[in-house]
């Protein structure tokens, strides 16, 4: 039998996803969930029961904190005195570790693992996989991992656990915590989510001006597909002169000249401070 894992927040939406995949592995898993709703969800959807915190942490090797970013600091501080040296504490997001919310325990291993989610351009062939937009179920996804502190030899264990909880896996990348923070919230949320939100607002505006909603949706999503394929080099090709002129006109109308500063360290740190 492999090492023992304590899964905190096991009855939450993310926790249940992880619990389902961990159940298929050789790891010994202890599930911790404080809410009755979460405990019932875990029982009904995964078929496992919860244990006390002390039972979960007894002789544990890896603690996974599948809890909101705002709770990670408090929970990590509460369980830290119960952990022996060498135990790995894994978070599913770089925000709390980047912000310094993990306890000052140099003898613990701190590991961060975050999914990329299934890519838009993929080779999935089954309906289940094509509709698995989140990942960790049917569709393949890549993952990012960072060993924040601890011996380099600990990375293999953390990556193996990450591959289990986020399976099926496309590719696995080793990054630093700061690089992960550049990807989220920087790239994925501050930039990508914001621009997608604006695109939806723009679609709604065309509908307000008289375009049938289904037509506007199909037109936008179809163009996202082909334009994205060209921009990200999924296919050979180039934009038309008209499209390039529209981009030249649109950039100064839609984007501030200094928008790239959202990736500055202080900007990322402030964004994470708000999150955590």
C-alpha atoms as a PDB file:
ATOM      1  CA  UNK A   1       0.000   0.000   0.000  1.00  0.00           C
ATOM      2  CA  UNK A   2       1.231   3.491  -0.864  1.00  0.00           C
ATOM      3  CA  UNK A   3       1.502   6.429   1.496  1.00  0.00           C
ATOM      4  CA  UNK A   4      -1.384   7.787   3.538  1.00  0.00           C
ATOM      5  CA  UNK A   5      -3.189  10.907   2.344  1.00  0.00           C
ATOM      6  CA  UNK A   6      -5.458  13.116   4.440  1.00  0.00           C
ATOM      7  CA  UNK A   7      -7.951  14.929   2.206  1.00  0.00           C
ATOM      8  CA  UNK A   8      -9.347  18.050   3.891  1.00  0.00           C
ATOM      9  CA  UNK A   9     -12.521  19.518   2.401  1.00  0.00           C
ATOM     10  CA  UNK A  10     -13.308  16.079   0.991  1.00  0.00           C
ATOM     11  CA  UNK A  11     -17.049  16.783   0.739  1.00  0.00           C
ATOM     12  CA  UNK A  12     -16.745  19.994  -1.259  1.00  0.00           C
ATOM     13  CA  UNK A  13     -17.142  20.116  -5.032  1.00  0.00           C
ATOM     14  CA  UNK A  14     -13.388  19.928  -5.597  1.00  0.00           C
ATOM     15  CA  UNK A  15     -12.889  17.484  -2.743  1.00  0.00           C
ATOM     16  CA  UNK A  16     -15.388  15.030  -4.189  1.00  0.00           C
ATOM     17  CA  UNK A  17     -13.664  15.178  -7.568  1.00  0.00           C
ATOM     18  CA  UNK A  18     -10.362  14.351  -5.904  1.00  0.00           C
ATOM     19  CA  UNK A  19     -11.882  11.668  -3.689  1.00  0.00           C
ATOM     20  CA  UNK A  20     -13.297   9.842  -6.711  1.00  0.00           C
ATOM     21  CA  UNK A  21      -9.884   9.656  -8.363  1.00  0.00           C
ATOM     22  CA  UNK A  22      -8.051   8.816  -5.147  1.00  0.00           C
ATOM     23  CA  UNK A  23     -10.438   5.922  -4.588  1.00  0.00           C
ATOM     24  CA  UNK A  24      -9.086   4.352  -7.796  1.00  0.00           C
ATOM     25  CA  UNK A  25      -5.476   4.604  -6.564  1.00  0.00           C
ATOM     26  CA  UNK A  26      -3.338   2.576  -4.183  1.00  0.00           C
ATOM     27  CA  UNK A  27      -3.084   5.448  -1.712  1.00  0.00           C
ATOM     28  CA  UNK A  28      -4.607   5.043   1.730  1.00  0.00           C
ATOM     29  CA  UNK A  29      -6.990   7.995   2.039  1.00  0.00           C
ATOM     30  CA  UNK A  30      -8.562   9.552   5.132  1.00  0.00           C
ATOM     31  CA  UNK A  31     -11.383  11.984   4.364  1.00  0.00           C
ATOM     32  CA  UNK A  32     -12.041  15.072   6.496  1.00  0.00           C
ATOM     33  CA  UNK A  33     -15.199  17.151   6.040  1.00  0.00           C
ATOM     34  CA  UNK A  34     -16.806  19.330   8.709  1.00  0.00           C
ATOM     35  CA  UNK A  35     -20.180  20.050   7.102  1.00  0.00           C
ATOM     36  CA  UNK A  36     -23.030  17.550   7.204  1.00  0.00           C
ATOM     37  CA  UNK A  37     -23.972  18.449   3.637  1.00  0.00           C
ATOM     38  CA  UNK A  38     -20.445  17.677   2.482  1.00  0.00           C
ATOM     39  CA  UNK A  39     -20.332  14.446   4.441  1.00  0.00           C
ATOM     40  CA  UNK A  40     -23.561  13.312   2.819  1.00  0.00           C
ATOM     41  CA  UNK A  41     -22.343  14.297  -0.648  1.00  0.00           C
ATOM     42  CA  UNK A  42     -19.131  12.334  -0.096  1.00  0.00           C
ATOM     43  CA  UNK A  43     -21.100   9.285   1.070  1.00  0.00           C
ATOM     44  CA  UNK A  44     -23.636   9.446  -1.738  1.00  0.00           C
ATOM     45  CA  UNK A  45     -21.250  10.201  -4.619  1.00  0.00           C
ATOM     46  CA  UNK A  46     -18.058   8.423  -3.568  1.00  0.00           C
ATOM     47  CA  UNK A  47     -19.234   5.868  -1.036  1.00  0.00           C
ATOM     48  CA  UNK A  48     -16.745   6.772   1.695  1.00  0.00           C
ATOM     49  CA  UNK A  49     -17.094   8.054   5.243  1.00  0.00           C
ATOM     50  CA  UNK A  50     -15.260  10.851   7.015  1.00  0.00           C
ATOM     51  CA  UNK A  51     -12.925  10.561   9.991  1.00  0.00           C
ATOM     52  CA  UNK A  52     -11.762  12.961  12.685  1.00  0.00           C
ATOM     53  CA  UNK A  53      -8.847  15.292  12.102  1.00  0.00           C
ATOM     54  CA  UNK A  54      -6.642  13.430  14.571  1.00  0.00           C
ATOM     55  CA  UNK A  55      -7.419  10.096  12.917  1.00  0.00           C
ATOM     56  CA  UNK A  56      -6.709  11.527   9.482  1.00  0.00           C
ATOM     57  CA  UNK A  57      -3.366  13.004  10.553  1.00  0.00           C
ATOM     58  CA  UNK A  58      -2.178   9.899  12.411  1.00  0.00           C
ATOM     59  CA  UNK A  59       0.909   8.645  10.534  1.00  0.00           C
ATOM     60  CA  UNK A  60      -0.059  10.736   7.492  1.00  0.00           C
ATOM     61  CA  UNK A  61       2.359  11.334   4.611  1.00  0.00           C
ATOM     62  CA  UNK A  62       0.477  13.904   2.503  1.00  0.00           C
ATOM     63  CA  UNK A  63      -2.174  16.429   3.538  1.00  0.00           C
ATOM     64  CA  UNK A  64      -4.254  17.835   0.684  1.00  0.00           C
ATOM     65  CA  UNK A  65      -6.058  21.094   1.480  1.00  0.00           C
ATOM     66  CA  UNK A  66      -9.032  21.083  -0.916  1.00  0.00           C
ATOM     67  CA  UNK A  67     -10.540  24.112   0.818  1.00  0.00           C
ATOM     68  CA  UNK A  68     -11.143  27.761  -0.196  1.00  0.00           C
ATOM     69  CA  UNK A  69      -8.067  29.998  -0.384  1.00  0.00           C
ATOM     70  CA  UNK A  70      -9.382  32.103   2.482  1.00  0.00           C
ATOM     71  CA  UNK A  71      -9.337  29.080   4.825  1.00  0.00           C
ATOM     72  CA  UNK A  72      -5.972  27.574   3.942  1.00  0.00           C
ATOM     73  CA  UNK A  73      -3.941  29.726   6.329  1.00  0.00           C
ATOM     74  CA  UNK A  74      -6.158  29.016   9.329  1.00  0.00           C
ATOM     75  CA  UNK A  75      -6.476  25.292   8.694  1.00  0.00           C
ATOM     76  CA  UNK A  76      -2.769  24.884   7.978  1.00  0.00           C
ATOM     77  CA  UNK A  77      -1.934  26.684  11.234  1.00  0.00           C
ATOM     78  CA  UNK A  78      -4.336  24.442  13.185  1.00  0.00           C
ATOM     79  CA  UNK A  79      -2.969  21.161  11.874  1.00  0.00           C
ATOM     80  CA  UNK A  80       0.707  22.128  11.701  1.00  0.00           C
ATOM     81  CA  UNK A  81       1.489  21.183  15.350  1.00  0.00           C
ATOM     82  CA  UNK A  82       0.044  17.716  14.672  1.00  0.00           C
ATOM     83  CA  UNK A  83       2.329  17.002  11.705  1.00  0.00           C
ATOM     84  CA  UNK A  84       5.653  15.217  12.026  1.00  0.00           C
ATOM     85  CA  UNK A  85       8.684  16.458  10.135  1.00  0.00           C
ATOM     86  CA  UNK A  86       8.721  15.496   6.466  1.00  0.00           C
ATOM     87  CA  UNK A  87       4.953  15.479   5.925  1.00  0.00           C
ATOM     88  CA  UNK A  88       3.857  17.067   2.652  1.00  0.00           C
ATOM     89  CA  UNK A  89       1.166  19.755   2.739  1.00  0.00           C
ATOM     90  CA  UNK A  90      -0.365  20.158  -0.717  1.00  0.00           C
ATOM     91  CA  UNK A  91      -2.494  23.070  -1.840  1.00  0.00           C
ATOM     92  CA  UNK A  92      -4.454  23.135  -5.093  1.00  0.00           C
ATOM     93  CA  UNK A  93      -3.683  26.756  -5.900  1.00  0.00           C
ATOM     94  CA  UNK A  94      -0.613  28.979  -5.618  1.00  0.00           C
ATOM     95  CA  UNK A  95      -2.453  31.923  -4.041  1.00  0.00           C
ATOM     96  CA  UNK A  96      -2.150  31.095  -0.329  1.00  0.00           C
ATOM     97  CA  UNK A  97       1.453  29.820  -0.531  1.00  0.00           C
ATOM     98  CA  UNK A  98       2.467  32.864  -2.611  1.00  0.00           C
ATOM     99  CA  UNK A  99       0.862  35.155  -0.030  1.00  0.00           C
ATOM    100  CA  UNK A 100       2.801  33.503   2.807  1.00  0.00           C
ATOM    101  CA  UNK A 101      -0.200  31.918   4.517  1.00  0.00           C
ATOM    102  CA  UNK A 102       1.466  28.573   5.249  1.00  0.00           C
ATOM    103  CA  UNK A 103       3.034  28.088   8.705  1.00  0.00           C
ATOM    104  CA  UNK A 104       6.743  28.668   9.259  1.00  0.00           C
ATOM    105  CA  UNK A 105       7.721  24.998   9.420  1.00  0.00           C
ATOM    106  CA  UNK A 106      10.979  24.438   7.479  1.00  0.00           C
ATOM    107  CA  UNK A 107      10.774  20.725   8.296  1.00  0.00           C
ATOM    108  CA  UNK A 108       7.532  20.269   6.319  1.00  0.00           C
ATOM    109  CA  UNK A 109       7.240  19.839   2.559  1.00  0.00           C
ATOM    110  CA  UNK A 110       5.041  22.404   0.803  1.00  0.00           C
ATOM    111  CA  UNK A 111       3.750  21.418  -2.632  1.00  0.00           C
ATOM    112  CA  UNK A 112       1.338  23.163  -5.019  1.00  0.00           C
ATOM    113  CA  UNK A 113      -0.531  21.351  -7.796  1.00  0.00           C
ATOM    114  CA  UNK A 114      -3.017  22.999 -10.149  1.00  0.00           C
ATOM    115  CA  UNK A 115      -4.809  21.713 -13.261  1.00  0.00           C
ATOM    116  CA  UNK A 116      -4.690  23.382 -16.674  1.00  0.00           C
ATOM    117  CA  UNK A 117      -8.177  21.976 -17.486  1.00  0.00           C
ATOM    118  CA  UNK A 118      -8.904  20.228 -20.796  1.00  0.00           C
ATOM    119  CA  UNK A 119      -7.690  22.312 -23.758  1.00  0.00           C
ATOM    120  CA  UNK A 120     -10.044  23.767 -26.357  1.00  0.00           C
ATOM    121  CA  UNK A 121      -8.075  22.040 -29.102  1.00  0.00           C
ATOM    122  CA  UNK A 122      -8.041  18.324 -28.296  1.00  0.00           C
ATOM    123  CA  UNK A 123      -8.491  14.846 -29.739  1.00  0.00           C
ATOM    124  CA  UNK A 124     -11.219  13.609 -27.400  1.00  0.00           C
ATOM    125  CA  UNK A 125     -13.524  11.139 -29.142  1.00  0.00           C
ATOM    126  CA  UNK A 126     -16.207  10.213 -26.598  1.00  0.00           C
ATOM    127  CA  UNK A 127     -19.216  12.396 -25.686  1.00  0.00           C
ATOM    128  CA  UNK A 128     -18.276  12.184 -21.993  1.00  0.00           C
ATOM    129  CA  UNK A 129     -14.761  13.457 -22.632  1.00  0.00           C
ATOM    130  CA  UNK A 130     -15.903  16.185 -25.050  1.00  0.00           C
ATOM    131  CA  UNK A 131     -18.259  17.500 -22.366  1.00  0.00           C
ATOM    132  CA  UNK A 132     -15.771  17.216 -19.491  1.00  0.00           C
ATOM    133  CA  UNK A 133     -14.818  20.890 -19.507  1.00  0.00           C
ATOM    134  CA  UNK A 134     -13.352  20.882 -15.977  1.00  0.00           C
ATOM    135  CA  UNK A 135     -11.160  17.796 -16.176  1.00  0.00           C
ATOM    136  CA  UNK A 136     -10.375  15.137 -13.633  1.00  0.00           C
ATOM    137  CA  UNK A 137     -13.059  12.895 -15.051  1.00  0.00           C
ATOM    138  CA  UNK A 138     -13.035  11.827 -18.686  1.00  0.00           C
ATOM    139  CA  UNK A 139     -11.013  14.409 -20.623  1.00  0.00           C
ATOM    140  CA  UNK A 140      -7.218  14.606 -20.574  1.00  0.00           C
ATOM    141  CA  UNK A 141      -5.665  17.705 -19.047  1.00  0.00           C
ATOM    142  CA  UNK A 142      -2.188  18.980 -18.292  1.00  0.00           C
ATOM    143  CA  UNK A 143      -1.097  19.901 -14.772  1.00  0.00           C
ATOM    144  CA  UNK A 144       1.340  22.333 -13.167  1.00  0.00           C
ATOM    145  CA  UNK A 145       3.232  21.611  -9.952  1.00  0.00           C
ATOM    146  CA  UNK A 146       5.681  23.436  -7.701  1.00  0.00           C
ATOM    147  CA  UNK A 147       7.822  22.223  -4.822  1.00  0.00           C
ATOM    148  CA  UNK A 148       7.760  25.322  -2.634  1.00  0.00           C
ATOM    149  CA  UNK A 149       9.980  23.889   0.099  1.00  0.00           C
ATOM    150  CA  UNK A 150      11.450  20.532   0.970  1.00  0.00           C
ATOM    151  CA  UNK A 151      14.036  18.187  -0.532  1.00  0.00           C
ATOM    152  CA  UNK A 152      14.039  17.888  -4.299  1.00  0.00           C
ATOM    153  CA  UNK A 153      13.358  14.171  -3.925  1.00  0.00           C
ATOM    154  CA  UNK A 154       9.873  15.043  -2.585  1.00  0.00           C
ATOM    155  CA  UNK A 155       8.781  16.359  -5.973  1.00  0.00           C
ATOM    156  CA  UNK A 156       8.174  12.871  -7.359  1.00  0.00           C
ATOM    157  CA  UNK A 157       5.663  12.050  -4.621  1.00  0.00           C
ATOM    158  CA  UNK A 158       3.831  15.350  -5.054  1.00  0.00           C
ATOM    159  CA  UNK A 159       3.683  14.963  -8.821  1.00  0.00           C
ATOM    160  CA  UNK A 160       2.420  11.395  -8.516  1.00  0.00           C
ATOM    161  CA  UNK A 161      -0.396  12.485  -6.198  1.00  0.00           C
ATOM    162  CA  UNK A 162      -1.211  15.360  -8.581  1.00  0.00           C
ATOM    163  CA  UNK A 163      -1.388  12.964 -11.510  1.00  0.00           C
ATOM    164  CA  UNK A 164      -3.833  10.795  -9.565  1.00  0.00           C
ATOM    165  CA  UNK A 165      -6.181  13.544  -8.404  1.00  0.00           C
ATOM    166  CA  UNK A 166      -6.301  15.297 -11.789  1.00  0.00           C
ATOM    167  CA  UNK A 167      -6.325  12.191 -14.027  1.00  0.00           C
ATOM    168  CA  UNK A 168      -6.390  11.552 -16.942  1.00  0.00           C
ATOM    169  CA  UNK A 169      -3.199  13.516 -17.612  1.00  0.00           C
ATOM    170  CA  UNK A 170      -1.982  14.999 -20.883  1.00  0.00           C
ATOM    171  CA  UNK A 171       1.295  16.612 -19.776  1.00  0.00           C
ATOM    172  CA  UNK A 172       2.910  17.539 -16.437  1.00  0.00           C
ATOM    173  CA  UNK A 173       4.942  20.725 -15.917  1.00  0.00           C
ATOM    174  CA  UNK A 174       7.253  21.640 -13.048  1.00  0.00           C
ATOM    175  CA  UNK A 175       7.136  25.356 -12.231  1.00  0.00           C
ATOM    176  CA  UNK A 176       7.909  27.672  -9.345  1.00  0.00           C
ATOM    177  CA  UNK A 177       5.193  29.078  -7.107  1.00  0.00           C
ATOM    178  CA  UNK A 178       5.751  32.532  -8.621  1.00  0.00           C
ATOM    179  CA  UNK A 179       5.378  31.128 -12.145  1.00  0.00           C
ATOM    180  CA  UNK A 180       2.131  29.458 -11.085  1.00  0.00           C
ATOM    181  CA  UNK A 181       0.908  32.793  -9.722  1.00  0.00           C
ATOM    182  CA  UNK A 182       1.655  34.396 -13.101  1.00  0.00           C
ATOM    183  CA  UNK A 183      -0.585  31.765 -14.690  1.00  0.00           C
ATOM    184  CA  UNK A 184      -3.319  32.150 -12.061  1.00  0.00           C
ATOM    185  CA  UNK A 185      -4.620  34.666 -11.241  1.00  0.00           C
ATOM    186  CA  UNK A 186      -2.520  36.555 -13.815  1.00  0.00           C
ATOM    187  CA  UNK A 187      -2.995  34.841 -17.162  1.00  0.00           C
ATOM    188  CA  UNK A 188      -6.102  32.741 -16.572  1.00  0.00           C
ATOM    189  CA  UNK A 189      -8.272  35.071 -14.496  1.00  0.00           C
ATOM    190  CA  UNK A 190      -7.083  38.678 -14.694  1.00  0.00           C
ATOM    191  CA  UNK A 191      -6.563  38.442 -18.465  1.00  0.00           C
ATOM    192  CA  UNK A 192      -8.415  35.462 -19.949  1.00  0.00           C
ATOM    193  CA  UNK A 193     -11.533  35.445 -17.757  1.00  0.00           C
ATOM    194  CA  UNK A 194     -11.848  39.231 -18.004  1.00  0.00           C
ATOM    195  CA  UNK A 195     -11.585  39.259 -21.788  1.00  0.00           C
ATOM    196  CA  UNK A 196     -14.046  36.386 -22.123  1.00  0.00           C
ATOM    197  CA  UNK A 197     -16.438  38.298 -19.861  1.00  0.00           C
ATOM    198  CA  UNK A 198     -16.091  41.325 -22.153  1.00  0.00           C
ATOM    199  CA  UNK A 199     -16.680  39.105 -25.205  1.00  0.00           C
ATOM    200  CA  UNK A 200     -19.932  37.862 -23.671  1.00  0.00           C
ATOM    201  CA  UNK A 201     -20.947  41.466 -22.970  1.00  0.00           C
ATOM    202  CA  UNK A 202     -20.163  42.328 -26.591  1.00  0.00           C
ATOM    203  CA  UNK A 203     -22.313  39.440 -27.809  1.00  0.00           C
ATOM    204  CA  UNK A 204     -25.158  40.610 -25.570  1.00  0.00           C
ATOM    205  CA  UNK A 205     -24.822  44.092 -27.086  1.00  0.00           C
ATOM    206  CA  UNK A 206     -25.243  42.734 -30.614  1.00  0.00           C
ATOM    207  CA  UNK A 207     -28.379  40.952 -29.405  1.00  0.00           C
ATOM    208  CA  UNK A 208     -29.650  44.194 -27.864  1.00  0.00           C
ATOM    209  CA  UNK A 209     -29.124  45.840 -31.242  1.00  0.00           C
ATOM    210  CA  UNK A 210     -31.304  43.256 -32.983  1.00  0.00           C
ATOM    211  CA  UNK A 211     -29.177  40.205 -33.845  1.00  0.00           C
ATOM    212  CA  UNK A 212     -30.963  36.932 -32.906  1.00  0.00           C
ATOM    213  CA  UNK A 213     -29.244  35.490 -29.819  1.00  0.00           C
ATOM    214  CA  UNK A 214     -28.630  32.036 -31.303  1.00  0.00           C
ATOM    215  CA  UNK A 215     -27.079  33.583 -34.386  1.00  0.00           C
ATOM    216  CA  UNK A 216     -24.841  35.865 -32.315  1.00  0.00           C
ATOM    217  CA  UNK A 217     -23.725  32.949 -30.104  1.00  0.00           C
ATOM    218  CA  UNK A 218     -22.953  30.641 -33.037  1.00  0.00           C
ATOM    219  CA  UNK A 219     -21.161  33.437 -34.871  1.00  0.00           C
ATOM    220  CA  UNK A 220     -18.986  34.355 -31.871  1.00  0.00           C
ATOM    221  CA  UNK A 221     -18.123  30.815 -30.772  1.00  0.00           C
ATOM    222  CA  UNK A 222     -17.370  29.778 -34.331  1.00  0.00           C
ATOM    223  CA  UNK A 223     -15.043  32.711 -34.833  1.00  0.00           C
ATOM    224  CA  UNK A 224     -13.384  32.063 -31.467  1.00  0.00           C
ATOM    225  CA  UNK A 225     -12.612  28.586 -32.782  1.00  0.00           C
ATOM    226  CA  UNK A 226     -11.076  29.545 -36.119  1.00  0.00           C
ATOM    227  CA  UNK A 227      -9.396  32.744 -34.931  1.00  0.00           C
ATOM    228  CA  UNK A 228      -7.972  30.900 -31.925  1.00  0.00           C
ATOM    229  CA  UNK A 229      -6.685  28.101 -34.152  1.00  0.00           C
ATOM    230  CA  UNK A 230      -4.779  30.651 -36.245  1.00  0.00           C
ATOM    231  CA  UNK A 231      -3.458  32.738 -33.325  1.00  0.00           C
ATOM    232  CA  UNK A 232      -2.247  29.682 -31.378  1.00  0.00           C
ATOM    233  CA  UNK A 233      -0.781  27.973 -34.456  1.00  0.00           C
ATOM    234  CA  UNK A 234      -3.099  24.992 -34.398  1.00  0.00           C
ATOM    235  CA  UNK A 235      -3.419  25.390 -38.154  1.00  0.00           C
ATOM    236  CA  UNK A 236      -1.321  27.206 -40.762  1.00  0.00           C
ATOM    237  CA  UNK A 237      -2.859  30.456 -41.847  1.00  0.00           C
ATOM    238  CA  UNK A 238      -3.024  34.212 -41.425  1.00  0.00           C
ATOM    239  CA  UNK A 239      -5.708  36.801 -40.829  1.00  0.00           C
ATOM    240  CA  UNK A 240      -7.109  38.769 -43.734  1.00  0.00           C
ATOM    241  CA  UNK A 241      -6.077  42.389 -44.251  1.00  0.00           C
ATOM    242  CA  UNK A 242      -9.533  43.437 -43.074  1.00  0.00           C
ATOM    243  CA  UNK A 243      -9.180  41.438 -39.858  1.00  0.00           C
ATOM    244  CA  UNK A 244      -5.705  42.838 -39.164  1.00  0.00           C
ATOM    245  CA  UNK A 245      -7.014  46.380 -39.672  1.00  0.00           C
ATOM    246  CA  UNK A 246      -9.888  45.653 -37.283  1.00  0.00           C
ATOM    247  CA  UNK A 247      -7.376  44.440 -34.670  1.00  0.00           C
ATOM    248  CA  UNK A 248      -5.247  47.572 -35.106  1.00  0.00           C
ATOM    249  CA  UNK A 249      -8.350  49.692 -34.577  1.00  0.00           C
ATOM    250  CA  UNK A 250      -9.702  47.573 -31.735  1.00  0.00           C
ATOM    251  CA  UNK A 251      -6.607  47.308 -29.542  1.00  0.00           C
ATOM    252  CA  UNK A 252      -6.403  50.970 -28.488  1.00  0.00           C
ATOM    253  CA  UNK A 253     -10.194  51.094 -28.077  1.00  0.00           C
ATOM    254  CA  UNK A 254     -10.352  47.995 -25.857  1.00  0.00           C
ATOM    255  CA  UNK A 255      -6.978  47.777 -24.102  1.00  0.00           C
ATOM    256  CA  UNK A 256      -4.984  50.252 -22.055  1.00  0.00           C
ATOM    257  CA  UNK A 257      -1.435  50.853 -23.271  1.00  0.00           C
ATOM    258  CA  UNK A 258      -0.015  49.570 -19.960  1.00  0.00           C
ATOM    259  CA  UNK A 259      -2.244  46.488 -19.591  1.00  0.00           C
ATOM    260  CA  UNK A 260       0.807  44.185 -19.573  1.00  0.00           C
ATOM    261  CA  UNK A 261       1.642  45.507 -16.101  1.00  0.00           C
ATOM    262  CA  UNK A 262      -0.978  43.136 -14.664  1.00  0.00           C
ATOM    263  CA  UNK A 263       1.925  40.639 -14.653  1.00  0.00           C
ATOM    264  CA  UNK A 264       4.185  42.824 -12.492  1.00  0.00           C
ATOM    265  CA  UNK A 265       5.037  41.206  -9.167  1.00  0.00           C
ATOM    266  CA  UNK A 266       3.272  43.885  -7.121  1.00  0.00           C
ATOM    267  CA  UNK A 267       0.127  43.589  -9.272  1.00  0.00           C
ATOM    268  CA  UNK A 268       0.061  39.799  -8.889  1.00  0.00           C
ATOM    269  CA  UNK A 269       0.682  40.116  -5.151  1.00  0.00           C
ATOM    270  CA  UNK A 270      -2.188  42.592  -4.750  1.00  0.00           C
ATOM    271  CA  UNK A 271      -4.517  40.380  -6.773  1.00  0.00           C
ATOM    272  CA  UNK A 272      -3.647  37.410  -4.567  1.00  0.00           C
ATOM    273  CA  UNK A 273      -4.072  39.507  -1.422  1.00  0.00           C
ATOM    274  CA  UNK A 274      -7.647  40.249  -2.488  1.00  0.00           C
ATOM    275  CA  UNK A 275      -8.282  36.576  -3.224  1.00  0.00           C
ATOM    276  CA  UNK A 276      -6.901  35.259   0.046  1.00  0.00           C
END
